[in-house]
Amino acid sequence: MKKDTRKLITCIAVPLATGAVSGFFTRNGMKVFAKLNKPPLSPPGWLFPVVWTILFIIMGIASFLIASRPKSRDRDRALALYGIQLAVNFLWPFFFFGAGWYGFAFLWLIFLWGLVYCCICTFGDFSRNAAYLMVPYLAWLTFAGYLNLFIALWN
């Protein structure tokens, strides 16, 4: 297998594995979600894993575009920021579903949103396509913030 193909597969596998592990540990989350008072526009529970899978794949592609750039301190910082936002993303379901800390989870989501925004800006210095690939993720986090805020207020 070519080096770039392995790198692409790894870059996609990392966020998918992160989501899968987080989902495994919070696998009863959709049962919890179904019982909550939710705001209008709340999607059905089955949609979340579909959307997250797509987002993790495109995030992985974005990280591949950055990882494929010549090694530099700035490139490594961009990838470190990407890793940090992925770790913050990993923890959100534990706060929301696991602990039921809806208010704290909302604040955590705002923190994640800021990290992803910074990631987009940083990725843009290397690849506009990588930055654009992260925009749907930011849009979904905005929507998730809407859901999380109202769940925090109504539950």
N, C-alpha and C. Protein backbone atom coordinates (compact mmCIF):
# COMPACT_ATOMS: atom_id res chain seq x y z
N MET A 1 0.85 -1.18 0.00
CA MET A 1 0.00 0.00 0.00
C MET A 1 0.90 1.24 0.00
N LYS A 2 0.54 2.21 -0.79
CA LYS A 2 1.32 3.44 -0.86
C LYS A 2 1.29 4.17 0.48
N LYS A 3 2.35 4.93 0.70
CA LYS A 3 2.47 5.68 1.95
C LYS A 3 1.30 6.65 2.15
N ASP A 4 0.92 7.37 1.06
CA ASP A 4 -0.19 8.32 1.17
C ASP A 4 -1.51 7.61 1.46
N THR A 5 -1.71 6.44 0.89
CA THR A 5 -2.94 5.69 1.14
C THR A 5 -3.02 5.26 2.60
N ARG A 6 -1.89 4.80 3.13
CA ARG A 6 -1.85 4.43 4.57
C ARG A 6 -2.12 5.64 5.45
N LYS A 7 -1.54 6.76 5.08
CA LYS A 7 -1.73 7.99 5.86
C LYS A 7 -3.20 8.42 5.82
N LEU A 8 -3.82 8.34 4.64
CA LEU A 8 -5.23 8.70 4.52
C LEU A 8 -6.10 7.77 5.36
N ILE A 9 -5.86 6.49 5.27
CA ILE A 9 -6.64 5.52 6.06
C ILE A 9 -6.46 5.79 7.55
N THR A 10 -5.26 6.06 7.96
CA THR A 10 -5.00 6.36 9.38
C THR A 10 -5.71 7.64 9.81
N CYS A 11 -5.62 8.66 8.97
CA CYS A 11 -6.26 9.94 9.30
C CYS A 11 -7.78 9.81 9.41
N ILE A 12 -8.37 8.95 8.62
CA ILE A 12 -9.81 8.73 8.71
C ILE A 12 -10.14 7.80 9.88
N ALA A 13 -9.29 6.81 10.09
CA ALA A 13 -9.54 5.84 11.17
C ALA A 13 -9.48 6.47 12.56
N VAL A 14 -8.61 7.46 12.75
CA VAL A 14 -8.46 8.06 14.08
C VAL A 14 -9.76 8.71 14.57
N PRO A 15 -10.37 9.61 13.81
CA PRO A 15 -11.64 10.17 14.32
C PRO A 15 -12.77 9.14 14.38
N LEU A 16 -12.81 8.22 13.41
CA LEU A 16 -13.84 7.17 13.46
C LEU A 16 -13.68 6.31 14.72
N ALA A 17 -12.45 5.96 15.05
CA ALA A 17 -12.20 5.15 16.26
C ALA A 17 -12.52 5.96 17.52
N THR A 18 -12.19 7.23 17.50
CA THR A 18 -12.51 8.09 18.64
C THR A 18 -14.01 8.11 18.88
N GLY A 19 -14.76 8.32 17.81
CA GLY A 19 -16.22 8.32 17.93
C GLY A 19 -16.77 6.97 18.33
N ALA A 20 -16.20 5.90 17.80
CA ALA A 20 -16.68 4.56 18.12
C ALA A 20 -16.45 4.23 19.59
N VAL A 21 -15.28 4.56 20.11
CA VAL A 21 -14.98 4.27 21.52
C VAL A 21 -15.89 5.11 22.42
N SER A 22 -16.03 6.38 22.10
CA SER A 22 -16.91 7.24 22.90
C SER A 22 -18.35 6.72 22.83
N GLY A 23 -18.77 6.35 21.63
CA GLY A 23 -20.12 5.80 21.46
C GLY A 23 -20.33 4.50 22.21
N PHE A 24 -19.30 3.67 22.24
CA PHE A 24 -19.39 2.41 22.97
C PHE A 24 -19.63 2.66 24.46
N PHE A 25 -18.88 3.57 25.01
CA PHE A 25 -19.00 3.84 26.45
C PHE A 25 -20.28 4.59 26.81
N THR A 26 -20.88 5.26 25.84
CA THR A 26 -22.13 5.99 26.09
C THR A 26 -23.26 5.41 25.24
N ARG A 27 -23.20 4.10 25.01
CA ARG A 27 -24.13 3.45 24.09
C ARG A 27 -25.59 3.55 24.50
N ASN A 28 -25.89 3.81 25.75
CA ASN A 28 -27.28 3.99 26.17
C ASN A 28 -27.74 5.43 26.01
N GLY A 29 -26.90 6.25 25.40
CA GLY A 29 -27.19 7.67 25.25
C GLY A 29 -28.47 7.98 24.50
N MET A 30 -28.75 7.21 23.46
CA MET A 30 -29.96 7.49 22.68
C MET A 30 -31.22 7.14 23.48
N LYS A 31 -31.12 6.19 24.40
CA LYS A 31 -32.25 5.90 25.29
C LYS A 31 -32.49 7.09 26.21
N VAL A 32 -31.41 7.66 26.71
CA VAL A 32 -31.49 8.86 27.56
C VAL A 32 -32.07 10.00 26.74
N PHE A 33 -31.53 10.20 25.53
CA PHE A 33 -31.96 11.30 24.67
C PHE A 33 -33.46 11.20 24.35
N ALA A 34 -33.95 10.00 24.13
CA ALA A 34 -35.35 9.80 23.79
C ALA A 34 -36.29 10.26 24.90
N LYS A 35 -35.84 10.20 26.14
CA LYS A 35 -36.68 10.55 27.29
C LYS A 35 -36.63 12.03 27.65
N LEU A 36 -35.73 12.78 27.04
CA LEU A 36 -35.55 14.19 27.40
C LEU A 36 -36.59 15.08 26.74
N ASN A 37 -36.88 16.20 27.39
CA ASN A 37 -37.66 17.25 26.76
C ASN A 37 -36.73 17.94 25.77
N LYS A 38 -37.11 17.91 24.49
CA LYS A 38 -36.25 18.44 23.44
C LYS A 38 -36.92 19.61 22.74
N PRO A 39 -36.10 20.49 22.16
CA PRO A 39 -36.65 21.63 21.43
C PRO A 39 -37.17 21.23 20.06
N PRO A 40 -37.89 22.13 19.42
CA PRO A 40 -38.30 21.87 18.04
C PRO A 40 -37.06 21.65 17.17
N LEU A 41 -37.23 20.96 16.09
CA LEU A 41 -36.17 20.63 15.13
C LEU A 41 -35.24 19.52 15.62
N SER A 42 -35.59 18.87 16.72
CA SER A 42 -34.76 17.76 17.20
C SER A 42 -34.89 16.60 16.24
N PRO A 43 -33.76 16.13 15.71
CA PRO A 43 -33.83 15.01 14.77
C PRO A 43 -34.06 13.69 15.49
N PRO A 44 -34.46 12.67 14.76
CA PRO A 44 -34.61 11.34 15.37
C PRO A 44 -33.23 10.82 15.80
N GLY A 45 -33.23 9.99 16.82
CA GLY A 45 -31.99 9.48 17.37
C GLY A 45 -31.11 8.74 16.38
N TRP A 46 -31.69 8.04 15.41
CA TRP A 46 -30.90 7.27 14.45
C TRP A 46 -30.02 8.16 13.58
N LEU A 47 -30.38 9.45 13.46
CA LEU A 47 -29.64 10.35 12.58
C LEU A 47 -28.25 10.71 13.14
N PHE A 48 -28.12 10.73 14.46
CA PHE A 48 -26.86 11.16 15.07
C PHE A 48 -25.66 10.31 14.66
N PRO A 49 -25.73 8.98 14.77
CA PRO A 49 -24.56 8.20 14.35
C PRO A 49 -24.25 8.32 12.86
N VAL A 50 -25.27 8.53 12.04
CA VAL A 50 -25.05 8.70 10.60
C VAL A 50 -24.28 10.00 10.35
N VAL A 51 -24.77 11.08 10.94
CA VAL A 51 -24.11 12.37 10.75
C VAL A 51 -22.70 12.35 11.31
N TRP A 52 -22.53 11.80 12.50
CA TRP A 52 -21.19 11.77 13.10
C TRP A 52 -20.22 10.94 12.28
N THR A 53 -20.68 9.84 11.71
CA THR A 53 -19.80 9.03 10.87
C THR A 53 -19.32 9.84 9.66
N ILE A 54 -20.23 10.52 9.02
CA ILE A 54 -19.86 11.36 7.87
C ILE A 54 -18.90 12.46 8.30
N LEU A 55 -19.20 13.11 9.41
CA LEU A 55 -18.33 14.19 9.90
C LEU A 55 -16.94 13.67 10.26
N PHE A 56 -16.86 12.52 10.91
CA PHE A 56 -15.56 11.97 11.26
C PHE A 56 -14.75 11.64 10.01
N ILE A 57 -15.40 11.15 8.98
CA ILE A 57 -14.69 10.84 7.73
C ILE A 57 -14.14 12.12 7.10
N ILE A 58 -14.96 13.16 7.00
CA ILE A 58 -14.46 14.38 6.36
C ILE A 58 -13.44 15.10 7.24
N MET A 59 -13.56 14.97 8.57
CA MET A 59 -12.52 15.51 9.46
C MET A 59 -11.21 14.78 9.21
N GLY A 60 -11.28 13.48 9.05
CA GLY A 60 -10.09 12.69 8.77
C GLY A 60 -9.44 13.10 7.46
N ILE A 61 -10.25 13.35 6.44
CA ILE A 61 -9.71 13.80 5.16
C ILE A 61 -9.04 15.16 5.33
N ALA A 62 -9.68 16.05 6.08
CA ALA A 62 -9.08 17.37 6.33
C ALA A 62 -7.73 17.22 7.03
N SER A 63 -7.67 16.36 8.04
CA SER A 63 -6.40 16.18 8.74
C SER A 63 -5.35 15.56 7.82
N PHE A 64 -5.76 14.69 6.90
CA PHE A 64 -4.84 14.12 5.92
C PHE A 64 -4.24 15.22 5.05
N LEU A 65 -5.07 16.16 4.61
CA LEU A 65 -4.56 17.25 3.77
C LEU A 65 -3.49 18.06 4.51
N ILE A 66 -3.65 18.21 5.81
CA ILE A 66 -2.65 18.94 6.61
C ILE A 66 -1.43 18.04 6.86
N ALA A 67 -1.66 16.80 7.22
CA ALA A 67 -0.56 15.88 7.51
C ALA A 67 0.30 15.63 6.27
N SER A 68 -0.26 15.83 5.09
CA SER A 68 0.48 15.62 3.85
C SER A 68 1.38 16.80 3.48
N ARG A 69 1.24 17.89 4.18
CA ARG A 69 2.10 19.06 3.94
C ARG A 69 3.49 18.78 4.48
N PRO A 70 4.48 19.49 3.96
CA PRO A 70 5.84 19.28 4.48
C PRO A 70 5.89 19.52 6.00
N LYS A 71 6.66 18.71 6.66
CA LYS A 71 6.77 18.80 8.12
C LYS A 71 7.32 20.16 8.51
N SER A 72 6.65 20.77 9.46
CA SER A 72 7.09 22.06 10.00
C SER A 72 6.49 22.21 11.39
N ARG A 73 7.00 23.16 12.12
CA ARG A 73 6.48 23.43 13.46
C ARG A 73 5.02 23.86 13.38
N ASP A 74 4.68 24.71 12.41
CA ASP A 74 3.30 25.19 12.27
C ASP A 74 2.34 24.06 11.87
N ARG A 75 2.80 23.19 10.97
CA ARG A 75 1.96 22.05 10.59
C ARG A 75 1.71 21.15 11.80
N ASP A 76 2.75 20.90 12.57
CA ASP A 76 2.60 20.06 13.76
C ASP A 76 1.67 20.71 14.79
N ARG A 77 1.72 22.01 14.90
CA ARG A 77 0.80 22.72 15.81
C ARG A 77 -0.64 22.62 15.33
N ALA A 78 -0.84 22.71 14.02
CA ALA A 78 -2.19 22.57 13.46
C ALA A 78 -2.73 21.17 13.75
N LEU A 79 -1.89 20.16 13.58
CA LEU A 79 -2.33 18.78 13.86
C LEU A 79 -2.52 18.56 15.36
N ALA A 80 -1.73 19.22 16.19
CA ALA A 80 -1.92 19.11 17.64
C ALA A 80 -3.25 19.74 18.03
N LEU A 81 -3.58 20.89 17.46
CA LEU A 81 -4.87 21.53 17.73
C LEU A 81 -6.01 20.61 17.29
N TYR A 82 -5.86 19.99 16.15
CA TYR A 82 -6.85 19.02 15.67
C TYR A 82 -7.02 17.88 16.68
N GLY A 83 -5.90 17.37 17.19
CA GLY A 83 -5.96 16.29 18.18
C GLY A 83 -6.62 16.72 19.47
N ILE A 84 -6.37 17.95 19.89
CA ILE A 84 -6.98 18.47 21.11
C ILE A 84 -8.49 18.58 20.94
N GLN A 85 -8.94 19.12 19.80
CA GLN A 85 -10.39 19.25 19.60
C GLN A 85 -11.03 17.87 19.52
N LEU A 86 -10.31 16.90 18.97
CA LEU A 86 -10.85 15.55 18.90
C LEU A 86 -10.99 14.95 20.30
N ALA A 87 -10.03 15.22 21.17
CA ALA A 87 -10.11 14.74 22.56
C ALA A 87 -11.26 15.42 23.30
N VAL A 88 -11.45 16.71 23.06
CA VAL A 88 -12.56 17.44 23.70
C VAL A 88 -13.89 16.89 23.18
N ASN A 89 -13.95 16.60 21.89
CA ASN A 89 -15.14 16.00 21.30
C ASN A 89 -15.43 14.65 21.95
N PHE A 90 -14.39 13.86 22.15
CA PHE A 90 -14.51 12.53 22.75
C PHE A 90 -15.18 12.60 24.12
N LEU A 91 -14.89 13.62 24.89
CA LEU A 91 -15.39 13.72 26.27
C LEU A 91 -16.83 14.22 26.38
N TRP A 92 -17.30 14.97 25.38
CA TRP A 92 -18.64 15.56 25.50
C TRP A 92 -19.73 14.52 25.80
N PRO A 93 -19.81 13.38 25.12
CA PRO A 93 -20.88 12.42 25.42
C PRO A 93 -20.86 11.91 26.86
N PHE A 94 -19.67 11.86 27.45
CA PHE A 94 -19.59 11.41 28.85
C PHE A 94 -20.27 12.42 29.77
N PHE A 95 -20.09 13.70 29.49
CA PHE A 95 -20.72 14.73 30.30
C PHE A 95 -22.22 14.79 30.06
N PHE A 96 -22.62 14.70 28.80
CA PHE A 96 -24.03 14.82 28.45
C PHE A 96 -24.81 13.55 28.78
N PHE A 97 -24.42 12.44 28.18
CA PHE A 97 -25.16 11.19 28.35
C PHE A 97 -24.80 10.46 29.63
N GLY A 98 -23.50 10.37 29.89
CA GLY A 98 -23.04 9.59 31.04
C GLY A 98 -23.40 10.22 32.37
N ALA A 99 -23.08 11.50 32.52
CA ALA A 99 -23.27 12.17 33.80
C ALA A 99 -24.58 12.95 33.87
N GLY A 100 -25.17 13.25 32.72
CA GLY A 100 -26.38 14.06 32.71
C GLY A 100 -26.12 15.51 33.10
N TRP A 101 -24.91 15.97 32.88
CA TRP A 101 -24.52 17.36 33.19
C TRP A 101 -24.80 18.24 31.97
N TYR A 102 -26.05 18.49 31.70
CA TYR A 102 -26.44 19.15 30.47
C TYR A 102 -25.90 20.58 30.38
N GLY A 103 -25.92 21.31 31.47
CA GLY A 103 -25.37 22.67 31.47
C GLY A 103 -23.87 22.67 31.24
N PHE A 104 -23.16 21.81 31.95
CA PHE A 104 -21.72 21.71 31.76
C PHE A 104 -21.39 21.24 30.36
N ALA A 105 -22.16 20.29 29.85
CA ALA A 105 -21.94 19.78 28.50
C ALA A 105 -22.11 20.91 27.48
N PHE A 106 -23.06 21.81 27.72
CA PHE A 106 -23.24 22.95 26.82
C PHE A 106 -22.00 23.85 26.83
N LEU A 107 -21.48 24.14 28.02
CA LEU A 107 -20.26 24.95 28.11
C LEU A 107 -19.08 24.24 27.44
N TRP A 108 -19.00 22.93 27.63
CA TRP A 108 -17.95 22.13 26.99
C TRP A 108 -18.08 22.21 25.47
N LEU A 109 -19.32 22.21 24.99
CA LEU A 109 -19.57 22.30 23.56
C LEU A 109 -19.15 23.66 23.01
N ILE A 110 -19.35 24.70 23.78
CA ILE A 110 -18.88 26.03 23.36
C ILE A 110 -17.35 26.02 23.26
N PHE A 111 -16.69 25.40 24.23
CA PHE A 111 -15.24 25.25 24.19
C PHE A 111 -14.82 24.49 22.94
N LEU A 112 -15.50 23.39 22.65
CA LEU A 112 -15.21 22.59 21.46
C LEU A 112 -15.43 23.43 20.20
N TRP A 113 -16.51 24.19 20.15
CA TRP A 113 -16.81 25.03 19.00
C TRP A 113 -15.65 25.99 18.74
N GLY A 114 -15.14 26.60 19.81
CA GLY A 114 -14.02 27.53 19.67
C GLY A 114 -12.77 26.83 19.15
N LEU A 115 -12.51 25.63 19.66
CA LEU A 115 -11.35 24.87 19.18
C LEU A 115 -11.48 24.53 17.70
N VAL A 116 -12.67 24.12 17.29
CA VAL A 116 -12.89 23.77 15.89
C VAL A 116 -12.76 25.01 15.01
N TYR A 117 -13.27 26.13 15.47
CA TYR A 117 -13.12 27.38 14.72
C TYR A 117 -11.63 27.72 14.55
N CYS A 118 -10.87 27.59 15.63
CA CYS A 118 -9.42 27.83 15.55
C CYS A 118 -8.75 26.83 14.61
N CYS A 119 -9.21 25.61 14.65
CA CYS A 119 -8.68 24.57 13.77
C CYS A 119 -8.94 24.94 12.30
N ILE A 120 -10.13 25.41 12.01
CA ILE A 120 -10.46 25.83 10.65
C ILE A 120 -9.54 26.95 10.21
N CYS A 121 -9.36 27.94 11.06
CA CYS A 121 -8.48 29.07 10.73
C CYS A 121 -7.05 28.60 10.51
N THR A 122 -6.58 27.71 11.36
CA THR A 122 -5.21 27.20 11.25
C THR A 122 -5.06 26.32 10.01
N PHE A 123 -6.04 25.46 9.77
CA PHE A 123 -5.99 24.61 8.58
C PHE A 123 -5.97 25.47 7.31
N GLY A 124 -6.70 26.58 7.35
CA GLY A 124 -6.75 27.46 6.19
C GLY A 124 -5.41 28.02 5.78
N ASP A 125 -4.48 28.11 6.73
CA ASP A 125 -3.13 28.56 6.40
C ASP A 125 -2.38 27.56 5.54
N PHE A 126 -2.82 26.30 5.55
CA PHE A 126 -2.16 25.23 4.81
C PHE A 126 -2.96 24.76 3.61
N SER A 127 -4.28 24.70 3.78
CA SER A 127 -5.13 24.15 2.73
C SER A 127 -6.55 24.68 2.89
N ARG A 128 -6.98 25.42 1.89
CA ARG A 128 -8.36 25.91 1.94
C ARG A 128 -9.35 24.75 1.95
N ASN A 129 -9.03 23.71 1.20
CA ASN A 129 -9.92 22.54 1.16
C ASN A 129 -10.05 21.90 2.54
N ALA A 130 -8.94 21.80 3.26
CA ALA A 130 -8.99 21.23 4.61
C ALA A 130 -9.86 22.09 5.51
N ALA A 131 -9.72 23.39 5.40
CA ALA A 131 -10.55 24.30 6.21
C ALA A 131 -12.02 24.14 5.85
N TYR A 132 -12.32 24.10 4.55
CA TYR A 132 -13.71 23.95 4.11
C TYR A 132 -14.31 22.62 4.57
N LEU A 133 -13.51 21.58 4.60
CA LEU A 133 -14.01 20.28 5.05
C LEU A 133 -14.41 20.29 6.52
N MET A 134 -13.86 21.20 7.30
CA MET A 134 -14.19 21.27 8.72
C MET A 134 -15.45 22.11 8.99
N VAL A 135 -15.91 22.86 8.00
CA VAL A 135 -17.07 23.74 8.19
C VAL A 135 -18.36 22.97 8.51
N PRO A 136 -18.67 21.85 7.84
CA PRO A 136 -19.88 21.12 8.23
C PRO A 136 -19.84 20.65 9.69
N TYR A 137 -18.67 20.31 10.18
CA TYR A 137 -18.50 19.92 11.58
C TYR A 137 -18.87 21.09 12.48
N LEU A 138 -18.38 22.28 12.16
CA LEU A 138 -18.72 23.46 12.96
C LEU A 138 -20.22 23.76 12.89
N ALA A 139 -20.80 23.58 11.72
CA ALA A 139 -22.25 23.80 11.57
C ALA A 139 -23.03 22.80 12.44
N TRP A 140 -22.61 21.54 12.43
CA TRP A 140 -23.29 20.52 13.24
C TRP A 140 -23.12 20.83 14.73
N LEU A 141 -21.94 21.28 15.12
CA LEU A 141 -21.74 21.65 16.53
C LEU A 141 -22.63 22.82 16.92
N THR A 142 -22.86 23.72 16.00
CA THR A 142 -23.77 24.85 16.26
C THR A 142 -25.18 24.33 16.51
N PHE A 143 -25.62 23.41 15.65
CA PHE A 143 -26.93 22.79 15.83
C PHE A 143 -26.98 21.98 17.13
N ALA A 144 -25.91 21.23 17.41
CA ALA A 144 -25.85 20.47 18.66
C ALA A 144 -25.90 21.40 19.86
N GLY A 145 -25.29 22.57 19.73
CA GLY A 145 -25.35 23.56 20.81
C GLY A 145 -26.77 24.03 21.07
N TYR A 146 -27.52 24.26 20.00
CA TYR A 146 -28.93 24.61 20.12
C TYR A 146 -29.69 23.53 20.89
N LEU A 147 -29.51 22.28 20.47
CA LEU A 147 -30.17 21.17 21.15
C LEU A 147 -29.74 21.09 22.62
N ASN A 148 -28.44 21.15 22.84
CA ASN A 148 -27.89 21.00 24.19
C ASN A 148 -28.38 22.12 25.11
N LEU A 149 -28.40 23.35 24.61
CA LEU A 149 -28.85 24.47 25.45
C LEU A 149 -30.29 24.27 25.89
N PHE A 150 -31.17 23.95 24.95
CA PHE A 150 -32.57 23.78 25.32
C PHE A 150 -32.79 22.57 26.20
N ILE A 151 -32.04 21.52 25.99
CA ILE A 151 -32.14 20.35 26.87
C ILE A 151 -31.68 20.73 28.27
N ALA A 152 -30.62 21.52 28.36
CA ALA A 152 -30.13 21.98 29.68
C ALA A 152 -31.19 22.84 30.37
N LEU A 153 -31.88 23.66 29.62
CA LEU A 153 -32.89 24.54 30.21
C LEU A 153 -34.18 23.82 30.55
N TRP A 154 -34.54 22.80 29.81
CA TRP A 154 -35.84 22.15 29.96
C TRP A 154 -35.79 20.83 30.74
N ASN A 155 -34.62 20.39 31.17
CA ASN A 155 -34.53 19.10 31.86
C ASN A 155 -33.82 19.27 33.20
